[in-house]
Amino acid sequence: MIENIKNQVICGSALNIIKKIERNSIDLFVSDPPYKVTARGSAGNSGGMLQKKINRGGQVFNYNDIEIDVWLPEIYRILKEGSHCYIMTNHKNIHNYLNVAEKVGFHFIKNLIWNKGNKIMGQCYMSQFEYIIFLRKGSHKKINFCGTADILDVPNKKTKVDGKNIHDTEKPIELMEILIENSSEDGDLVLDCFCGVGAVPIASKKLGRDFIGIDLEQNYVNISRERIEKCSQILNKESQK
């Protein structure tokens, strides 16, 4: 299974695909899974994602009702012993996520903070950061650059086409590079089964890692593939200099 999907972004159900992946075959998991957000009325930037009807009900996408206790046991199964796992989430879900991770068998290391630099309106303080839950499977493994702070200051800049975001919750490639570079080696296999528009696969490609990306929406898969191809072309040109 692994060799057939390595260095590809696949369109399909994350759960159905990861169930077919062999046990102890993935070196690193990094993902921003779809999760519940705080239901709100007209809060948020004008015309932004929090103005959409679905957001006012506590969702970002139509399919973000998949629960972590459904897919995280499979991630634990396919990760290698001594590997790291990064899961992005918000204040609403972090308590449940940590409880599920412990039940599954992960060791909780710490919560990293992604300081996005921009603010989202709210009734109780404006939100400027997201949590990144940092877990490990099995024995202790230090990160490659121990001087990295646990607050990651990376601007939250969205890629736009014709003035519109290509993905409402796109994550910076630079942010994913920090996590991947710290918790993997050249040639390791990185999985993101909710990969959106491909930040994790692109970061993996830039760092010389193999990757598997999965997303349910064909449009995002197509965008990911295009972005990865552009990244490959840039890397090839740089290698020829």
Protein backbone atom coordinates (compact mmCIF):
# COMPACT_ATOMS: atom_id res chain seq x y z
CA MET A 1 0.00 0.00 0.00
CA ILE A 2 2.65 2.53 1.05
CA GLU A 3 4.70 2.39 -2.16
CA ASN A 4 1.56 2.88 -4.26
CA ILE A 5 0.63 6.16 -2.58
CA LYS A 6 3.99 7.60 -1.52
CA ASN A 7 4.60 11.20 -2.66
CA GLN A 8 1.02 11.56 -3.79
CA VAL A 9 -2.01 13.57 -2.70
CA ILE A 10 -5.05 11.32 -2.82
CA CYS A 11 -8.71 12.27 -2.96
CA GLY A 12 -10.83 10.18 -0.63
CA SER A 13 -11.95 9.42 2.89
CA ALA A 14 -9.06 9.75 5.31
CA LEU A 15 -10.34 6.93 7.49
CA ASN A 16 -10.84 4.50 4.61
CA ILE A 17 -7.34 5.14 3.26
CA ILE A 18 -5.36 5.11 6.52
CA LYS A 19 -7.01 1.83 7.51
CA LYS A 20 -5.21 0.26 4.54
CA ILE A 21 -1.77 1.59 5.54
CA GLU A 22 0.58 -0.92 7.16
CA ARG A 23 1.26 -0.85 10.89
CA ASN A 24 4.43 0.99 12.00
CA SER A 25 5.11 2.45 8.55
CA ILE A 26 4.82 6.25 9.01
CA ASP A 27 7.67 8.33 10.45
CA LEU A 28 5.72 11.49 11.29
CA PHE A 29 2.12 12.70 11.39
CA VAL A 30 1.38 16.42 10.96
CA SER A 31 -2.16 17.61 10.34
CA ASP A 32 -4.76 20.29 10.82
CA PRO A 33 -7.89 18.12 11.04
CA PRO A 34 -11.37 19.57 10.54
CA TYR A 35 -12.80 20.39 13.94
CA LYS A 36 -15.63 22.26 15.54
CA VAL A 37 -15.24 26.00 16.00
CA THR A 38 -17.15 28.27 18.36
CA ALA A 39 -20.57 29.02 16.95
CA ARG A 40 -21.02 32.74 16.40
CA GLY A 41 -23.34 35.17 14.76
CA SER A 42 -21.85 37.72 12.42
CA ALA A 43 -18.41 37.73 14.08
CA GLY A 44 -15.31 37.58 11.95
CA ASN A 45 -13.81 39.56 9.13
CA SER A 46 -16.29 40.97 6.68
CA GLY A 47 -16.75 38.49 3.88
CA GLY A 48 -14.45 36.02 5.61
CA MET A 49 -15.05 32.42 6.54
CA LEU A 50 -16.77 33.24 9.83
CA GLN A 51 -19.52 35.10 7.96
CA LYS A 52 -20.72 31.93 6.26
CA LYS A 53 -23.92 30.33 7.53
CA ILE A 54 -22.16 27.05 8.32
CA ASN A 55 -19.63 28.89 10.56
CA ARG A 56 -22.39 30.46 12.61
CA GLY A 57 -23.36 26.90 13.51
CA GLY A 58 -19.86 26.01 14.67
CA GLN A 59 -18.39 24.51 11.49
CA VAL A 60 -15.85 25.56 8.89
CA PHE A 61 -16.54 22.89 6.27
CA ASN A 62 -19.49 20.62 5.53
CA TYR A 63 -17.49 17.53 6.51
CA ASN A 64 -15.85 18.65 9.75
CA ASP A 65 -17.97 16.44 11.98
CA ILE A 66 -15.49 13.51 11.96
CA GLU A 67 -14.52 12.83 15.57
CA ILE A 68 -10.92 12.39 16.65
CA ASP A 69 -11.63 9.11 18.46
CA VAL A 70 -12.54 7.62 15.07
CA TRP A 71 -9.28 8.37 13.25
CA LEU A 72 -6.58 8.86 15.90
CA PRO A 73 -6.35 5.15 16.85
CA GLU A 74 -5.46 4.43 13.23
CA ILE A 75 -2.76 7.11 13.27
CA TYR A 76 -1.27 5.53 16.38
CA ARG A 77 -1.31 2.11 14.70
CA ILE A 78 0.52 3.21 11.56
CA LEU A 79 3.11 5.46 13.22
CA LYS A 80 6.49 3.93 14.01
CA GLU A 81 7.73 3.52 17.57
CA GLY A 82 9.52 6.63 18.79
CA SER A 83 7.79 8.90 16.27
CA HIS A 84 6.17 12.29 16.75
CA CYS A 85 2.63 13.46 16.08
CA TYR A 86 1.43 17.07 15.66
CA ILE A 87 -2.28 17.93 15.68
CA MET A 88 -3.59 21.46 15.31
CA THR A 89 -6.72 22.50 17.16
CA ASN A 90 -8.41 25.30 19.09
CA HIS A 91 -9.52 25.94 22.68
CA LYS A 92 -12.93 24.37 22.09
CA ASN A 93 -11.53 20.94 21.23
CA ILE A 94 -8.21 20.68 23.04
CA HIS A 95 -9.52 19.01 26.21
CA ASN A 96 -11.23 16.24 24.24
CA TYR A 97 -8.26 15.82 21.92
CA LEU A 98 -5.84 15.38 24.81
CA ASN A 99 -8.12 12.85 26.52
CA VAL A 100 -8.49 10.80 23.34
CA ALA A 101 -4.74 10.91 22.64
CA GLU A 102 -3.99 9.52 26.10
CA LYS A 103 -6.58 6.75 25.75
CA VAL A 104 -5.16 5.77 22.37
CA GLY A 105 -1.67 5.37 23.87
CA PHE A 106 0.16 8.55 22.91
CA HIS A 107 2.46 10.31 25.34
CA PHE A 108 1.65 14.02 25.63
CA ILE A 109 4.79 16.14 25.33
CA LYS A 110 3.43 19.70 25.33
CA ASN A 111 1.20 22.16 23.55
CA LEU A 112 2.94 24.42 21.08
CA ILE A 113 1.46 27.80 20.27
CA TRP A 114 1.19 29.11 16.73
CA ASN A 115 1.09 32.89 16.99
CA LYS A 116 -0.68 33.84 13.77
CA GLY A 117 -0.11 37.57 14.11
CA ASN A 118 -3.66 38.42 13.09
CA LYS A 119 -6.80 38.46 15.21
CA ILE A 120 -10.27 36.97 14.82
CA MET A 121 -13.11 38.89 16.42
CA GLY A 122 -14.90 37.35 19.38
CA GLN A 123 -17.01 38.32 22.38
CA CYS A 124 -14.39 37.19 24.93
CA TYR A 125 -10.99 38.40 23.74
CA MET A 126 -9.85 38.22 20.14
CA SER A 127 -8.22 34.96 19.07
CA GLN A 128 -4.65 35.29 17.78
CA PHE A 129 -3.22 31.78 18.20
CA GLU A 130 -3.87 28.10 17.68
CA TYR A 131 -2.71 25.10 19.66
CA ILE A 132 -0.45 22.46 18.16
CA ILE A 133 -0.66 19.31 20.28
CA PHE A 134 2.75 17.63 20.34
CA LEU A 135 2.62 13.88 21.02
CA ARG A 136 4.92 10.89 20.74
CA LYS A 137 4.44 7.18 20.27
CA GLY A 138 6.72 5.07 22.42
CA SER A 139 10.09 6.08 23.80
CA HIS A 140 11.41 9.63 24.08
CA LYS A 141 12.81 11.26 20.97
CA LYS A 142 14.28 14.75 21.08
CA ILE A 143 13.65 17.25 18.32
CA ASN A 144 16.44 18.05 15.89
CA PHE A 145 16.74 21.71 16.84
CA CYS A 146 16.35 21.88 20.60
CA GLY A 147 16.60 25.67 20.60
CA THR A 148 13.22 26.03 18.89
CA ALA A 149 10.76 27.99 21.03
CA ASP A 150 7.36 26.53 21.83
CA ILE A 151 5.73 29.72 20.56
CA LEU A 152 6.01 29.73 16.78
CA ASP A 153 5.65 33.19 15.27
CA VAL A 154 4.63 32.61 11.67
CA PRO A 155 2.36 35.09 9.84
CA ASN A 156 -1.04 33.74 8.83
CA LYS A 157 -1.04 34.75 5.18
CA LYS A 158 -3.63 33.15 2.91
CA THR A 159 -3.00 32.39 -0.76
CA LYS A 160 -5.59 34.13 -2.89
CA VAL A 161 -6.81 33.68 -6.45
CA ASP A 162 -9.01 36.43 -7.90
CA GLY A 163 -9.22 37.95 -4.45
CA LYS A 164 -10.53 34.81 -2.76
CA ASN A 165 -8.76 32.41 -0.40
CA ILE A 166 -7.88 29.11 -2.04
CA HIS A 167 -8.70 27.53 1.34
CA ASP A 168 -10.29 29.22 4.36
CA THR A 169 -8.02 27.48 6.88
CA GLU A 170 -4.82 27.23 4.81
CA LYS A 171 -1.75 26.81 7.02
CA PRO A 172 1.65 28.37 6.24
CA ILE A 173 4.22 26.11 4.61
CA GLU A 174 6.86 27.76 6.82
CA LEU A 175 5.03 26.58 9.95
CA MET A 176 4.89 23.00 8.70
CA GLU A 177 8.57 23.13 7.77
CA ILE A 178 9.46 23.89 11.40
CA LEU A 179 7.55 20.86 12.68
CA ILE A 180 8.73 18.48 9.96
CA GLU A 181 12.37 19.53 10.15
CA ASN A 182 12.39 19.09 13.92
CA SER A 183 10.76 15.66 14.01
CA SER A 184 12.01 13.78 10.95
CA GLU A 185 15.10 13.00 8.89
CA ASP A 186 15.91 13.00 5.17
CA GLY A 187 13.85 10.36 3.39
CA ASP A 188 11.35 9.89 6.23
CA LEU A 189 7.67 9.46 5.38
CA VAL A 190 5.30 12.22 6.56
CA LEU A 191 1.52 11.78 6.59
CA ASP A 192 -1.22 14.41 6.53
CA CYS A 193 -4.64 12.82 6.06
CA PHE A 194 -6.50 16.17 6.13
CA CYS A 195 -4.07 18.04 3.90
CA GLY A 196 -6.24 20.81 2.46
CA VAL A 197 -4.18 22.63 -0.16
CA GLY A 198 -0.96 20.82 0.58
CA ALA A 199 1.16 22.74 3.10
CA VAL A 200 2.51 19.54 4.70
CA PRO A 201 3.32 17.76 1.40
CA ILE A 202 5.01 20.90 0.04
CA ALA A 203 7.04 21.41 3.21
CA SER A 204 8.03 17.74 3.14
CA LYS A 205 9.10 18.04 -0.48
CA LYS A 206 11.24 21.10 0.26
CA LEU A 207 12.97 19.28 3.13
CA GLY A 208 13.72 16.05 1.26
CA ARG A 209 11.07 13.97 3.00
CA ASP A 210 8.56 11.63 1.38
CA PHE A 211 4.90 12.35 1.98
CA ILE A 212 1.35 11.09 1.74
CA GLY A 213 -1.47 13.63 1.54
CA ILE A 214 -5.18 12.89 1.70
CA ASP A 215 -8.19 15.16 1.34
CA LEU A 216 -11.87 14.58 0.76
CA GLU A 217 -12.44 17.46 -1.65
CA GLN A 218 -11.21 17.03 -5.21
CA ASN A 219 -10.76 20.77 -5.71
CA TYR A 220 -8.26 20.97 -2.85
CA VAL A 221 -6.49 17.85 -4.09
CA ASN A 222 -6.10 19.45 -7.51
CA ILE A 223 -4.71 22.65 -5.98
CA SER A 224 -2.30 20.63 -3.82
CA ARG A 225 -0.99 18.73 -6.82
CA GLU A 226 -0.46 21.95 -8.78
CA ARG A 227 1.39 23.58 -5.88
CA ILE A 228 3.59 20.52 -5.36
CA GLU A 229 4.44 20.47 -9.06
CA LYS A 230 5.45 24.14 -8.94
CA CYS A 231 7.57 23.42 -5.87
CA SER A 232 9.27 20.54 -7.70
CA GLN A 233 10.06 22.77 -10.66
CA ILE A 234 11.62 25.41 -8.39
CA LEU A 235 13.67 22.80 -6.55
CA ASN A 236 14.90 21.31 -9.82
CA LYS A 237 15.99 24.72 -11.11
CA GLU A 238 17.81 25.45 -7.85
CA SER A 239 19.62 22.10 -7.99
CA GLN A 240 20.87 22.88 -11.51
CA LYS A 241 22.49 26.18 -10.51
